[in-house]
């Protein structure tokens, strides 16, 4: 899974307002069919992380991001082949266990896949 890096990419995903979520996370997603880009570039699954200061100090935020990356890699096969994902942490993610975050990410990714399949 590649990374979403530019501000423009994050804004594009967040503006579409397509999301799925759990108690501690929100998953914003964008499938290439959703927007009208004239780019010929190959699109892959790309992941961006949004963990604000409301989650906690730097050490806490980095721990949450590390957990998100590990879980996202483990469950990326649930997602459509070409999509952009932004995982946003709610403040409660700081105190959530890894197992809880992992379950929520798996469920949210399955929800995204289901919503994309319906569309």
PDB file of N, CA and C in Angstrom:
ATOM      1  N   UNK A   1       0.851  -1.169   0.000  1.00  0.00           N
ATOM      2  CA  UNK A   1       0.000   0.000   0.000  1.00  0.00           C
ATOM      3  C   UNK A   1       0.897   1.233   0.000  1.00  0.00           C
ATOM      4  N   UNK A   2       0.644   2.122  -0.929  1.00  0.00           N
ATOM      5  CA  UNK A   2       1.422   3.357  -1.016  1.00  0.00           C
ATOM      6  C   UNK A   2       0.848   4.395  -0.057  1.00  0.00           C
ATOM      7  N   UNK A   3       1.553   5.525   0.049  1.00  0.00           N
ATOM      8  CA  UNK A   3       1.132   6.582   0.966  1.00  0.00           C
ATOM      9  C   UNK A   3       0.529   7.755   0.214  1.00  0.00           C
ATOM     10  N   UNK A   4      -0.494   8.345   0.787  1.00  0.00           N
ATOM     11  CA  UNK A   4      -0.979   9.642   0.330  1.00  0.00           C
ATOM     12  C   UNK A   4      -0.040  10.660   0.949  1.00  0.00           C
ATOM     13  N   UNK A   5       0.551  11.518   0.140  1.00  0.00           N
ATOM     14  CA  UNK A   5       1.539  12.431   0.696  1.00  0.00           C
ATOM     15  C   UNK A   5       1.174  13.900   0.553  1.00  0.00           C
ATOM     16  N   UNK A   6       0.591  14.272  -0.555  1.00  0.00           N
ATOM     17  CA  UNK A   6       0.367  15.697  -0.768  1.00  0.00           C
ATOM     18  C   UNK A   6      -0.934  16.172  -0.112  1.00  0.00           C
ATOM     19  N   UNK A   7      -0.919  17.422   0.260  1.00  0.00           N
ATOM     20  CA  UNK A   7      -2.097  18.054   0.850  1.00  0.00           C
ATOM     21  C   UNK A   7      -3.270  17.966  -0.122  1.00  0.00           C
ATOM     22  N   UNK A   8      -2.980  18.141  -1.380  1.00  0.00           N
ATOM     23  CA  UNK A   8      -4.010  18.103  -2.419  1.00  0.00           C
ATOM     24  C   UNK A   8      -4.729  16.748  -2.436  1.00  0.00           C
ATOM     25  N   UNK A   9      -3.971  15.661  -2.302  1.00  0.00           N
ATOM     26  CA  UNK A   9      -4.564  14.321  -2.285  1.00  0.00           C
ATOM     27  C   UNK A   9      -5.466  14.131  -1.065  1.00  0.00           C
ATOM     28  N   UNK A  10      -4.999  14.594   0.101  1.00  0.00           N
ATOM     29  CA  UNK A  10      -5.810  14.486   1.317  1.00  0.00           C
ATOM     30  C   UNK A  10      -7.120  15.262   1.150  1.00  0.00           C
ATOM     31  N   UNK A  11      -7.022  16.481   0.658  1.00  0.00           N
ATOM     32  CA  UNK A  11      -8.206  17.323   0.498  1.00  0.00           C
ATOM     33  C   UNK A  11      -9.184  16.685  -0.487  1.00  0.00           C
ATOM     34  N   UNK A  12      -8.671  16.111  -1.569  1.00  0.00           N
ATOM     35  CA  UNK A  12      -9.531  15.459  -2.558  1.00  0.00           C
ATOM     36  C   UNK A  12     -10.329  14.329  -1.920  1.00  0.00           C
ATOM     37  N   UNK A  13      -9.670  13.513  -1.115  1.00  0.00           N
ATOM     38  CA  UNK A  13     -10.358  12.395  -0.456  1.00  0.00           C
ATOM     39  C   UNK A  13     -11.369  12.916   0.563  1.00  0.00           C
ATOM     40  N   UNK A  14     -10.977  13.881   1.374  1.00  0.00           N
ATOM     41  CA  UNK A  14     -11.852  14.368   2.439  1.00  0.00           C
ATOM     42  C   UNK A  14     -13.057  15.138   1.901  1.00  0.00           C
ATOM     43  N   UNK A  15     -12.915  15.818   0.771  1.00  0.00           N
ATOM     44  CA  UNK A  15     -14.020  16.594   0.216  1.00  0.00           C
ATOM     45  C   UNK A  15     -15.137  15.724  -0.343  1.00  0.00           C
ATOM     46  N   UNK A  16     -14.836  14.495  -0.711  1.00  0.00           N
ATOM     47  CA  UNK A  16     -15.867  13.619  -1.270  1.00  0.00           C
ATOM     48  C   UNK A  16     -16.897  13.213  -0.220  1.00  0.00           C
ATOM     49  N   UNK A  17     -16.538  13.326   1.043  1.00  0.00           N
ATOM     50  CA  UNK A  17     -17.441  13.044   2.161  1.00  0.00           C
ATOM     51  C   UNK A  17     -17.987  11.617   2.152  1.00  0.00           C
ATOM     52  N   UNK A  18     -17.225  10.691   1.594  1.00  0.00           N
ATOM     53  CA  UNK A  18     -17.594   9.281   1.687  1.00  0.00           C
ATOM     54  C   UNK A  18     -16.806   8.706   2.847  1.00  0.00           C
ATOM     55  N   UNK A  19     -17.516   8.104   3.793  1.00  0.00           N
ATOM     56  CA  UNK A  19     -16.797   7.619   4.958  1.00  0.00           C
ATOM     57  C   UNK A  19     -17.501   6.434   5.598  1.00  0.00           C
ATOM     58  N   UNK A  20     -16.719   5.731   6.359  1.00  0.00           N
ATOM     59  CA  UNK A  20     -17.202   4.635   7.197  1.00  0.00           C
ATOM     60  C   UNK A  20     -16.437   4.784   8.499  1.00  0.00           C
ATOM     61  N   UNK A  21     -17.005   4.329   9.583  1.00  0.00           N
ATOM     62  CA  UNK A  21     -16.287   4.559  10.825  1.00  0.00           C
ATOM     63  C   UNK A  21     -16.621   3.589  11.923  1.00  0.00           C
ATOM     64  N   UNK A  22     -15.907   3.787  12.991  1.00  0.00           N
ATOM     65  CA  UNK A  22     -16.102   2.995  14.190  1.00  0.00           C
ATOM     66  C   UNK A  22     -16.064   3.913  15.392  1.00  0.00           C
ATOM     67  N   UNK A  23     -15.879   3.328  16.547  1.00  0.00           N
ATOM     68  CA  UNK A  23     -15.864   4.092  17.793  1.00  0.00           C
ATOM     69  C   UNK A  23     -14.652   5.020  17.871  1.00  0.00           C
ATOM     70  N   UNK A  24     -13.499   4.543  17.396  1.00  0.00           N
ATOM     71  CA  UNK A  24     -12.252   5.297  17.544  1.00  0.00           C
ATOM     72  C   UNK A  24     -11.661   5.807  16.235  1.00  0.00           C
ATOM     73  N   UNK A  25     -12.247   5.422  15.103  1.00  0.00           N
ATOM     74  CA  UNK A  25     -11.678   5.815  13.810  1.00  0.00           C
ATOM     75  C   UNK A  25     -12.766   6.238  12.834  1.00  0.00           C
ATOM     76  N   UNK A  26     -12.354   6.993  11.830  1.00  0.00           N
ATOM     77  CA  UNK A  26     -13.201   7.303  10.683  1.00  0.00           C
ATOM     78  C   UNK A  26     -12.353   7.026   9.447  1.00  0.00           C
ATOM     79  N   UNK A  27     -12.922   6.311   8.489  1.00  0.00           N
ATOM     80  CA  UNK A  27     -12.220   5.997   7.249  1.00  0.00           C
ATOM     81  C   UNK A  27     -12.883   6.791   6.133  1.00  0.00           C
ATOM     82  N   UNK A  28     -12.153   7.741   5.564  1.00  0.00           N
ATOM     83  CA  UNK A  28     -12.615   8.487   4.400  1.00  0.00           C
ATOM     84  C   UNK A  28     -12.043   7.782   3.181  1.00  0.00           C
ATOM     85  N   UNK A  29     -12.834   7.645   2.123  1.00  0.00           N
ATOM     86  CA  UNK A  29     -12.337   6.914   0.965  1.00  0.00           C
ATOM     87  C   UNK A  29     -12.756   7.575  -0.339  1.00  0.00           C
ATOM     88  N   UNK A  30     -11.974   7.298  -1.358  1.00  0.00           N
ATOM     89  CA  UNK A  30     -12.215   7.804  -2.701  1.00  0.00           C
ATOM     90  C   UNK A  30     -11.819   6.716  -3.682  1.00  0.00           C
ATOM     91  N   UNK A  31     -12.737   6.357  -4.548  1.00  0.00           N
ATOM     92  CA  UNK A  31     -12.454   5.395  -5.607  1.00  0.00           C
ATOM     93  C   UNK A  31     -12.282   6.208  -6.881  1.00  0.00           C
ATOM     94  N   UNK A  32     -11.307   5.886  -7.748  1.00  0.00           N
ATOM     95  CA  UNK A  32     -11.045   6.709  -8.930  1.00  0.00           C
ATOM     96  C   UNK A  32     -12.274   7.005  -9.778  1.00  0.00           C
ATOM     97  N   UNK A  33     -13.261   6.123  -9.798  1.00  0.00           N
ATOM     98  CA  UNK A  33     -14.477   6.379 -10.565  1.00  0.00           C
ATOM     99  C   UNK A  33     -15.281   7.529  -9.977  1.00  0.00           C
ATOM    100  N   UNK A  34     -14.993   7.885  -8.716  1.00  0.00           N
ATOM    101  CA  UNK A  34     -15.735   8.942  -8.030  1.00  0.00           C
ATOM    102  C   UNK A  34     -15.388  10.342  -8.522  1.00  0.00           C
ATOM    103  N   UNK A  35     -14.192  10.522  -9.020  1.00  0.00           N
ATOM    104  CA  UNK A  35     -13.807  11.873  -9.418  1.00  0.00           C
ATOM    105  C   UNK A  35     -13.369  11.876 -10.873  1.00  0.00           C
ATOM    106  N   UNK A  36     -13.378  13.024 -11.461  1.00  0.00           N
ATOM    107  CA  UNK A  36     -13.102  13.148 -12.887  1.00  0.00           C
ATOM    108  C   UNK A  36     -11.718  13.736 -13.090  1.00  0.00           C
ATOM    109  N   UNK A  37     -10.720  12.900 -12.918  1.00  0.00           N
ATOM    110  CA  UNK A  37      -9.339  13.311 -13.128  1.00  0.00           C
ATOM    111  C   UNK A  37      -8.906  12.874 -14.513  1.00  0.00           C
ATOM    112  N   UNK A  38      -8.154  13.693 -15.195  1.00  0.00           N
ATOM    113  CA  UNK A  38      -7.668  13.338 -16.520  1.00  0.00           C
ATOM    114  C   UNK A  38      -6.276  12.746 -16.472  1.00  0.00           C
ATOM    115  N   UNK A  39      -5.810  12.371 -15.290  1.00  0.00           N
ATOM    116  CA  UNK A  39      -4.475  11.787 -15.155  1.00  0.00           C
ATOM    117  C   UNK A  39      -4.455  10.383 -15.729  1.00  0.00           C
ATOM    118  N   UNK A  40      -3.361  10.048 -16.443  1.00  0.00           N
ATOM    119  CA  UNK A  40      -3.206   8.710 -17.005  1.00  0.00           C
ATOM    120  C   UNK A  40      -2.433   7.806 -16.061  1.00  0.00           C
ATOM    121  N   UNK A  41      -1.991   8.347 -14.939  1.00  0.00           N
ATOM    122  CA  UNK A  41      -1.106   7.581 -14.065  1.00  0.00           C
ATOM    123  C   UNK A  41      -1.824   6.366 -13.484  1.00  0.00           C
ATOM    124  N   UNK A  42      -1.041   5.362 -13.165  1.00  0.00           N
ATOM    125  CA  UNK A  42      -1.580   4.156 -12.563  1.00  0.00           C
ATOM    126  C   UNK A  42      -1.993   4.463 -11.129  1.00  0.00           C
ATOM    127  N   UNK A  43      -3.150   4.002 -10.756  1.00  0.00           N
ATOM    128  CA  UNK A  43      -3.659   4.255  -9.412  1.00  0.00           C
ATOM    129  C   UNK A  43      -3.586   2.958  -8.610  1.00  0.00           C
ATOM    130  N   UNK A  44      -3.130   3.050  -7.384  1.00  0.00           N
ATOM    131  CA  UNK A  44      -3.045   1.907  -6.485  1.00  0.00           C
ATOM    132  C   UNK A  44      -3.801   2.248  -5.212  1.00  0.00           C
ATOM    133  N   UNK A  45      -3.801   1.314  -4.300  1.00  0.00           N
ATOM    134  CA  UNK A  45      -4.338   1.631  -2.978  1.00  0.00           C
ATOM    135  C   UNK A  45      -3.352   2.574  -2.306  1.00  0.00           C
ATOM    136  N   UNK A  46      -3.871   3.691  -1.828  1.00  0.00           N
ATOM    137  CA  UNK A  46      -3.008   4.640  -1.129  1.00  0.00           C
ATOM    138  C   UNK A  46      -3.640   4.962   0.218  1.00  0.00           C
ATOM    139  N   UNK A  47      -2.799   5.093   1.227  1.00  0.00           N
ATOM    140  CA  UNK A  47      -3.253   5.318   2.595  1.00  0.00           C
ATOM    141  C   UNK A  47      -2.676   6.614   3.134  1.00  0.00           C
ATOM    142  N   UNK A  48      -3.530   7.405   3.756  1.00  0.00           N
ATOM    143  CA  UNK A  48      -3.097   8.597   4.466  1.00  0.00           C
ATOM    144  C   UNK A  48      -3.589   8.512   5.901  1.00  0.00           C
ATOM    145  N   UNK A  49      -2.823   9.060   6.814  1.00  0.00           N
ATOM    146  CA  UNK A  49      -3.187   9.032   8.227  1.00  0.00           C
ATOM    147  C   UNK A  49      -3.395  10.453   8.730  1.00  0.00           C
ATOM    148  N   UNK A  50      -4.466  10.655   9.475  1.00  0.00           N
ATOM    149  CA  UNK A  50      -4.745  11.956  10.073  1.00  0.00           C
ATOM    150  C   UNK A  50      -4.951  11.745  11.569  1.00  0.00           C
ATOM    151  N   UNK A  51      -3.940  12.126  12.340  1.00  0.00           N
ATOM    152  CA  UNK A  51      -3.999  11.978  13.795  1.00  0.00           C
ATOM    153  C   UNK A  51      -3.679  13.349  14.384  1.00  0.00           C
ATOM    154  N   UNK A  52      -4.713  14.035  14.862  1.00  0.00           N
ATOM    155  CA  UNK A  52      -4.538  15.411  15.323  1.00  0.00           C
ATOM    156  C   UNK A  52      -4.014  15.464  16.753  1.00  0.00           C
ATOM    157  N   UNK A  53      -3.687  16.682  17.181  1.00  0.00           N
ATOM    158  CA  UNK A  53      -3.161  16.875  18.531  1.00  0.00           C
ATOM    159  C   UNK A  53      -4.196  16.569  19.604  1.00  0.00           C
ATOM    160  N   UNK A  54      -5.462  16.520  19.222  1.00  0.00           N
ATOM    161  CA  UNK A  54      -6.489  16.183  20.216  1.00  0.00           C
ATOM    162  C   UNK A  54      -6.378  14.730  20.678  1.00  0.00           C
ATOM    163  N   UNK A  55      -5.646  13.910  19.929  1.00  0.00           N
ATOM    164  CA  UNK A  55      -5.443  12.507  20.305  1.00  0.00           C
ATOM    165  C   UNK A  55      -4.460  12.406  21.463  1.00  0.00           C
ATOM    166  N   UNK A  56      -3.478  13.297  21.510  1.00  0.00           N
ATOM    167  CA  UNK A  56      -2.502  13.257  22.598  1.00  0.00           C
ATOM    168  C   UNK A  56      -1.181  13.856  22.176  1.00  0.00           C
ATOM    169  N   UNK A  57      -0.170  13.656  23.008  1.00  0.00           N
ATOM    170  CA  UNK A  57       1.166  14.156  22.716  1.00  0.00           C
ATOM    171  C   UNK A  57       1.787  13.368  21.572  1.00  0.00           C
ATOM    172  N   UNK A  58       2.956  13.790  21.128  1.00  0.00           N
ATOM    173  CA  UNK A  58       3.606  13.201  19.957  1.00  0.00           C
ATOM    174  C   UNK A  58       3.812  11.693  20.085  1.00  0.00           C
ATOM    175  N   UNK A  59       4.229  11.240  21.243  1.00  0.00           N
ATOM    176  CA  UNK A  59       4.474   9.808  21.432  1.00  0.00           C
ATOM    177  C   UNK A  59       3.175   9.024  21.242  1.00  0.00           C
ATOM    178  N   UNK A  60       2.095   9.532  21.790  1.00  0.00           N
ATOM    179  CA  UNK A  60       0.790   8.877  21.662  1.00  0.00           C
ATOM    180  C   UNK A  60       0.322   8.881  20.215  1.00  0.00           C
ATOM    181  N   UNK A  61       0.452  10.033  19.556  1.00  0.00           N
ATOM    182  CA  UNK A  61       0.034  10.121  18.149  1.00  0.00           C
ATOM    183  C   UNK A  61       0.831   9.162  17.283  1.00  0.00           C
ATOM    184  N   UNK A  62       2.137   9.080  17.508  1.00  0.00           N
ATOM    185  CA  UNK A  62       2.969   8.174  16.720  1.00  0.00           C
ATOM    186  C   UNK A  62       2.613   6.715  16.977  1.00  0.00           C
ATOM    187  N   UNK A  63       2.268   6.384  18.203  1.00  0.00           N
ATOM    188  CA  UNK A  63       1.831   5.017  18.521  1.00  0.00           C
ATOM    189  C   UNK A  63       0.545   4.682  17.771  1.00  0.00           C
ATOM    190  N   UNK A  64      -0.403   5.612  17.773  1.00  0.00           N
ATOM    191  CA  UNK A  64      -1.664   5.400  17.058  1.00  0.00           C
ATOM    192  C   UNK A  64      -1.400   5.234  15.565  1.00  0.00           C
ATOM    193  N   UNK A  65      -0.533   6.071  15.002  1.00  0.00           N
ATOM    194  CA  UNK A  65      -0.218   5.956  13.569  1.00  0.00           C
ATOM    195  C   UNK A  65       0.433   4.620  13.248  1.00  0.00           C
ATOM    196  N   UNK A  66       1.334   4.174  14.105  1.00  0.00           N
ATOM    197  CA  UNK A  66       1.998   2.886  13.889  1.00  0.00           C
ATOM    198  C   UNK A  66       0.967   1.758  13.893  1.00  0.00           C
ATOM    199  N   UNK A  67       0.053   1.803  14.843  1.00  0.00           N
ATOM    200  CA  UNK A  67      -1.001   0.781  14.916  1.00  0.00           C
ATOM    201  C   UNK A  67      -1.888   0.820  13.670  1.00  0.00           C
ATOM    202  N   UNK A  68      -2.231   2.016  13.216  1.00  0.00           N
ATOM    203  CA  UNK A  68      -3.042   2.155  12.000  1.00  0.00           C
ATOM    204  C   UNK A  68      -2.335   1.535  10.797  1.00  0.00           C
ATOM    205  N   UNK A  69      -1.035   1.834  10.647  1.00  0.00           N
ATOM    206  CA  UNK A  69      -0.295   1.302   9.493  1.00  0.00           C
ATOM    207  C   UNK A  69      -0.256  -0.221   9.499  1.00  0.00           C
ATOM    208  N   UNK A  70       0.007  -0.807  10.663  1.00  0.00           N
ATOM    209  CA  UNK A  70       0.079  -2.271  10.767  1.00  0.00           C
ATOM    210  C   UNK A  70      -1.278  -2.894  10.438  1.00  0.00           C
ATOM    211  N   UNK A  71      -2.338  -2.369  11.000  1.00  0.00           N
ATOM    212  CA  UNK A  71      -3.673  -2.913  10.748  1.00  0.00           C
ATOM    213  C   UNK A  71      -4.097  -2.715   9.297  1.00  0.00           C
ATOM    214  N   UNK A  72      -3.797  -1.555   8.744  1.00  0.00           N
ATOM    215  CA  UNK A  72      -4.172  -1.290   7.352  1.00  0.00           C
ATOM    216  C   UNK A  72      -3.463  -2.256   6.412  1.00  0.00           C
ATOM    217  N   UNK A  73      -2.182  -2.519   6.659  1.00  0.00           N
ATOM    218  CA  UNK A  73      -1.459  -3.486   5.826  1.00  0.00           C
ATOM    219  C   UNK A  73      -2.056  -4.880   5.949  1.00  0.00           C
ATOM    220  N   UNK A  74      -2.457  -5.242   7.155  1.00  0.00           N
ATOM    221  CA  UNK A  74      -3.009  -6.581   7.385  1.00  0.00           C
ATOM    222  C   UNK A  74      -4.363  -6.776   6.698  1.00  0.00           C
ATOM    223  N   UNK A  75      -5.132  -5.708   6.559  1.00  0.00           N
ATOM    224  CA  UNK A  75      -6.490  -5.825   6.021  1.00  0.00           C
ATOM    225  C   UNK A  75      -6.664  -5.153   4.661  1.00  0.00           C
ATOM    226  N   UNK A  76      -5.583  -4.776   3.996  1.00  0.00           N
ATOM    227  CA  UNK A  76      -5.727  -4.049   2.740  1.00  0.00           C
ATOM    228  C   UNK A  76      -6.387  -4.876   1.645  1.00  0.00           C
ATOM    229  N   UNK A  77      -6.344  -6.206   1.751  1.00  0.00           N
ATOM    230  CA  UNK A  77      -6.976  -7.042   0.731  1.00  0.00           C
ATOM    231  C   UNK A  77      -8.503  -6.930   0.759  1.00  0.00           C
ATOM    232  N   UNK A  78      -9.075  -6.347   1.803  1.00  0.00           N
ATOM    233  CA  UNK A  78     -10.521  -6.127   1.863  1.00  0.00           C
ATOM    234  C   UNK A  78     -10.953  -4.951   0.989  1.00  0.00           C
ATOM    235  N   UNK A  79     -10.021  -4.064   0.660  1.00  0.00           N
ATOM    236  CA  UNK A  79     -10.332  -2.848  -0.089  1.00  0.00           C
ATOM    237  C   UNK A  79     -10.376  -3.112  -1.589  1.00  0.00           C
ATOM    238  N   UNK A  80     -11.070  -2.231  -2.331  1.00  0.00           N
ATOM    239  CA  UNK A  80     -11.024  -2.322  -3.792  1.00  0.00           C
ATOM    240  C   UNK A  80      -9.584  -2.120  -4.282  1.00  0.00           C
ATOM    241  N   UNK A  81      -9.289  -2.600  -5.481  1.00  0.00           N
ATOM    242  CA  UNK A  81      -7.919  -2.561  -6.003  1.00  0.00           C
ATOM    243  C   UNK A  81      -7.386  -1.138  -6.152  1.00  0.00           C
ATOM    244  N   UNK A  82      -8.242  -0.203  -6.510  1.00  0.00           N
ATOM    245  CA  UNK A  82      -7.803   1.175  -6.738  1.00  0.00           C
ATOM    246  C   UNK A  82      -8.626   2.105  -5.857  1.00  0.00           C
ATOM    247  N   UNK A  83      -8.015   2.593  -4.798  1.00  0.00           N
ATOM    248  CA  UNK A  83      -8.728   3.522  -3.926  1.00  0.00           C
ATOM    249  C   UNK A  83      -7.731   4.316  -3.088  1.00  0.00           C
ATOM    250  N   UNK A  84      -8.199   5.455  -2.623  1.00  0.00           N
ATOM    251  CA  UNK A  84      -7.439   6.277  -1.687  1.00  0.00           C
ATOM    252  C   UNK A  84      -8.193   6.258  -0.361  1.00  0.00           C
ATOM    253  N   UNK A  85      -7.448   6.044   0.713  1.00  0.00           N
ATOM    254  CA  UNK A  85      -8.036   5.928   2.046  1.00  0.00           C
ATOM    255  C   UNK A  85      -7.347   6.921   2.974  1.00  0.00           C
ATOM    256  N   UNK A  86      -8.126   7.632   3.784  1.00  0.00           N
ATOM    257  CA  UNK A  86      -7.572   8.443   4.864  1.00  0.00           C
ATOM    258  C   UNK A  86      -8.158   7.902   6.162  1.00  0.00           C
ATOM    259  N   UNK A  87      -7.290   7.411   7.028  1.00  0.00           N
ATOM    260  CA  UNK A  87      -7.698   6.935   8.354  1.00  0.00           C
ATOM    261  C   UNK A  87      -7.561   8.104   9.318  1.00  0.00           C
ATOM    262  N   UNK A  88      -8.682   8.517   9.916  1.00  0.00           N
ATOM    263  CA  UNK A  88      -8.662   9.635  10.859  1.00  0.00           C
ATOM    264  C   UNK A  88      -8.935   9.100  12.255  1.00  0.00           C
ATOM    265  N   UNK A  89      -8.080   9.461  13.182  1.00  0.00           N
ATOM    266  CA  UNK A  89      -8.223   8.996  14.564  1.00  0.00           C
ATOM    267  C   UNK A  89      -9.102   9.952  15.357  1.00  0.00           C
ATOM    268  N   UNK A  90     -10.006   9.384  16.116  1.00  0.00           N
ATOM    269  CA  UNK A  90     -10.757  10.165  17.093  1.00  0.00           C
ATOM    270  C   UNK A  90      -9.922  10.187  18.375  1.00  0.00           C
ATOM    271  N   UNK A  91     -10.149  11.148  19.262  1.00  0.00           N
ATOM    272  CA  UNK A  91      -9.350  11.212  20.495  1.00  0.00           C
ATOM    273  C   UNK A  91      -9.367   9.922  21.318  1.00  0.00           C
ATOM    274  N   UNK A  92     -10.439   9.164  21.239  1.00  0.00           N
ATOM    275  CA  UNK A  92     -10.528   7.916  22.008  1.00  0.00           C
ATOM    276  C   UNK A  92      -9.582   6.838  21.484  1.00  0.00           C
ATOM    277  N   UNK A  93      -9.008   7.028  20.294  1.00  0.00           N
ATOM    278  CA  UNK A  93      -8.070   6.041  19.734  1.00  0.00           C
ATOM    279  C   UNK A  93      -6.811   5.928  20.588  1.00  0.00           C
ATOM    280  N   UNK A  94      -6.492   6.979  21.330  1.00  0.00           N
ATOM    281  CA  UNK A  94      -5.282   6.972  22.155  1.00  0.00           C
ATOM    282  C   UNK A  94      -5.342   5.909  23.244  1.00  0.00           C
ATOM    283  N   UNK A  95      -6.525   5.647  23.764  1.00  0.00           N
ATOM    284  CA  UNK A  95      -6.657   4.684  24.855  1.00  0.00           C
ATOM    285  C   UNK A  95      -7.182   3.329  24.394  1.00  0.00           C
ATOM    286  N   UNK A  96      -7.491   3.206  23.117  1.00  0.00           N
ATOM    287  CA  UNK A  96      -8.021   1.940  22.595  1.00  0.00           C
ATOM    288  C   UNK A  96      -6.903   0.910  22.471  1.00  0.00           C
ATOM    289  N   UNK A  97      -7.256  -0.341  22.660  1.00  0.00           N
ATOM    290  CA  UNK A  97      -6.264  -1.414  22.517  1.00  0.00           C
ATOM    291  C   UNK A  97      -5.997  -1.667  21.037  1.00  0.00           C
ATOM    292  N   UNK A  98      -4.864  -2.304  20.773  1.00  0.00           N
ATOM    293  CA  UNK A  98      -4.521  -2.630  19.390  1.00  0.00           C
ATOM    294  C   UNK A  98      -5.578  -3.553  18.786  1.00  0.00           C
ATOM    295  N   UNK A  99      -6.040  -4.524  19.554  1.00  0.00           N
ATOM    296  CA  UNK A  99      -7.043  -5.475  19.050  1.00  0.00           C
ATOM    297  C   UNK A  99      -8.337  -4.755  18.665  1.00  0.00           C
ATOM    298  N   UNK A 100      -8.733  -3.787  19.472  1.00  0.00           N
ATOM    299  CA  UNK A 100      -9.941  -3.022  19.181  1.00  0.00           C
ATOM    300  C   UNK A 100      -9.779  -2.205  17.899  1.00  0.00           C
ATOM    301  N   UNK A 101      -8.647  -1.512  17.763  1.00  0.00           N
ATOM    302  CA  UNK A 101      -8.396  -0.737  16.549  1.00  0.00           C
ATOM    303  C   UNK A 101      -8.339  -1.644  15.327  1.00  0.00           C
ATOM    304  N   UNK A 102      -7.709  -2.799  15.478  1.00  0.00           N
ATOM    305  CA  UNK A 102      -7.591  -3.748  14.372  1.00  0.00           C
ATOM    306  C   UNK A 102      -8.977  -4.211  13.908  1.00  0.00           C
ATOM    307  N   UNK A 103      -9.848  -4.546  14.853  1.00  0.00           N
ATOM    308  CA  UNK A 103     -11.216  -4.970  14.507  1.00  0.00           C
ATOM    309  C   UNK A 103     -11.980  -3.844  13.816  1.00  0.00           C
ATOM    310  N   UNK A 104     -11.837  -2.623  14.329  1.00  0.00           N
ATOM    311  CA  UNK A 104     -12.552  -1.487  13.746  1.00  0.00           C
ATOM    312  C   UNK A 104     -12.079  -1.196  12.324  1.00  0.00           C
ATOM    313  N   UNK A 105     -10.777  -1.296  12.096  1.00  0.00           N
ATOM    314  CA  UNK A 105     -10.246  -1.054  10.753  1.00  0.00           C
ATOM    315  C   UNK A 105     -10.720  -2.142   9.799  1.00  0.00           C
ATOM    316  N   UNK A 106     -10.696  -3.391  10.233  1.00  0.00           N
ATOM    317  CA  UNK A 106     -11.174  -4.488   9.383  1.00  0.00           C
ATOM    318  C   UNK A 106     -12.646  -4.288   9.025  1.00  0.00           C
ATOM    319  N   UNK A 107     -13.442  -3.919  10.013  1.00  0.00           N
ATOM    320  CA  UNK A 107     -14.872  -3.711   9.773  1.00  0.00           C
ATOM    321  C   UNK A 107     -15.103  -2.515   8.845  1.00  0.00           C
ATOM    322  N   UNK A 108     -14.369  -1.430   9.059  1.00  0.00           N
ATOM    323  CA  UNK A 108     -14.524  -0.240   8.221  1.00  0.00           C
ATOM    324  C   UNK A 108     -14.089  -0.521   6.784  1.00  0.00           C
ATOM    325  N   UNK A 109     -12.985  -1.253   6.599  1.00  0.00           N
ATOM    326  CA  UNK A 109     -12.532  -1.599   5.250  1.00  0.00           C
ATOM    327  C   UNK A 109     -13.562  -2.485   4.550  1.00  0.00           C
ATOM    328  N   UNK A 110     -14.161  -3.420   5.280  1.00  0.00           N
ATOM    329  CA  UNK A 110     -15.203  -4.275   4.695  1.00  0.00           C
ATOM    330  C   UNK A 110     -16.421  -3.432   4.306  1.00  0.00           C
ATOM    331  N   UNK A 111     -16.762  -2.449   5.130  1.00  0.00           N
ATOM    332  CA  UNK A 111     -17.870  -1.551   4.822  1.00  0.00           C
ATOM    333  C   UNK A 111     -17.580  -0.739   3.570  1.00  0.00           C
ATOM    334  N   UNK A 112     -16.356  -0.241   3.447  1.00  0.00           N
ATOM    335  CA  UNK A 112     -15.960   0.509   2.251  1.00  0.00           C
ATOM    336  C   UNK A 112     -16.108  -0.372   1.016  1.00  0.00           C
ATOM    337  N   UNK A 113     -15.607  -1.601   1.084  1.00  0.00           N
ATOM    338  CA  UNK A 113     -15.697  -2.517  -0.054  1.00  0.00           C
ATOM    339  C   UNK A 113     -17.153  -2.776  -0.421  1.00  0.00           C
ATOM    340  N   UNK A 114     -18.008  -2.934   0.588  1.00  0.00           N
ATOM    341  CA  UNK A 114     -19.427  -3.188   0.343  1.00  0.00           C
ATOM    342  C   UNK A 114     -20.089  -1.976  -0.319  1.00  0.00           C
ATOM    343  N   UNK A 115     -19.796  -0.774   0.183  1.00  0.00           N
ATOM    344  CA  UNK A 115     -20.382   0.443  -0.385  1.00  0.00           C
ATOM    345  C   UNK A 115     -19.920   0.660  -1.823  1.00  0.00           C
ATOM    346  N   UNK A 116     -18.649   0.369  -2.103  1.00  0.00           N
ATOM    347  CA  UNK A 116     -18.120   0.537  -3.460  1.00  0.00           C
ATOM    348  C   UNK A 116     -18.764  -0.480  -4.401  1.00  0.00           C
ATOM    349  N   UNK A 117     -18.966  -1.708  -3.921  1.00  0.00           N
ATOM    350  CA  UNK A 117     -19.582  -2.748  -4.750  1.00  0.00           C
ATOM    351  C   UNK A 117     -21.034  -2.405  -5.086  1.00  0.00           C
ATOM    352  N   UNK A 118     -21.733  -1.754  -4.157  1.00  0.00           N
ATOM    353  CA  UNK A 118     -23.127  -1.365  -4.393  1.00  0.00           C
ATOM    354  C   UNK A 118     -23.240  -0.250  -5.422  1.00  0.00           C
ATOM    355  N   UNK A 119     -22.272   0.631  -5.449  1.00  0.00           N
ATOM    356  CA  UNK A 119     -22.337   1.813  -6.324  1.00  0.00           C
ATOM    357  C   UNK A 119     -22.131   1.476  -7.783  1.00  0.00           C
TER     358      UNK A 119
END
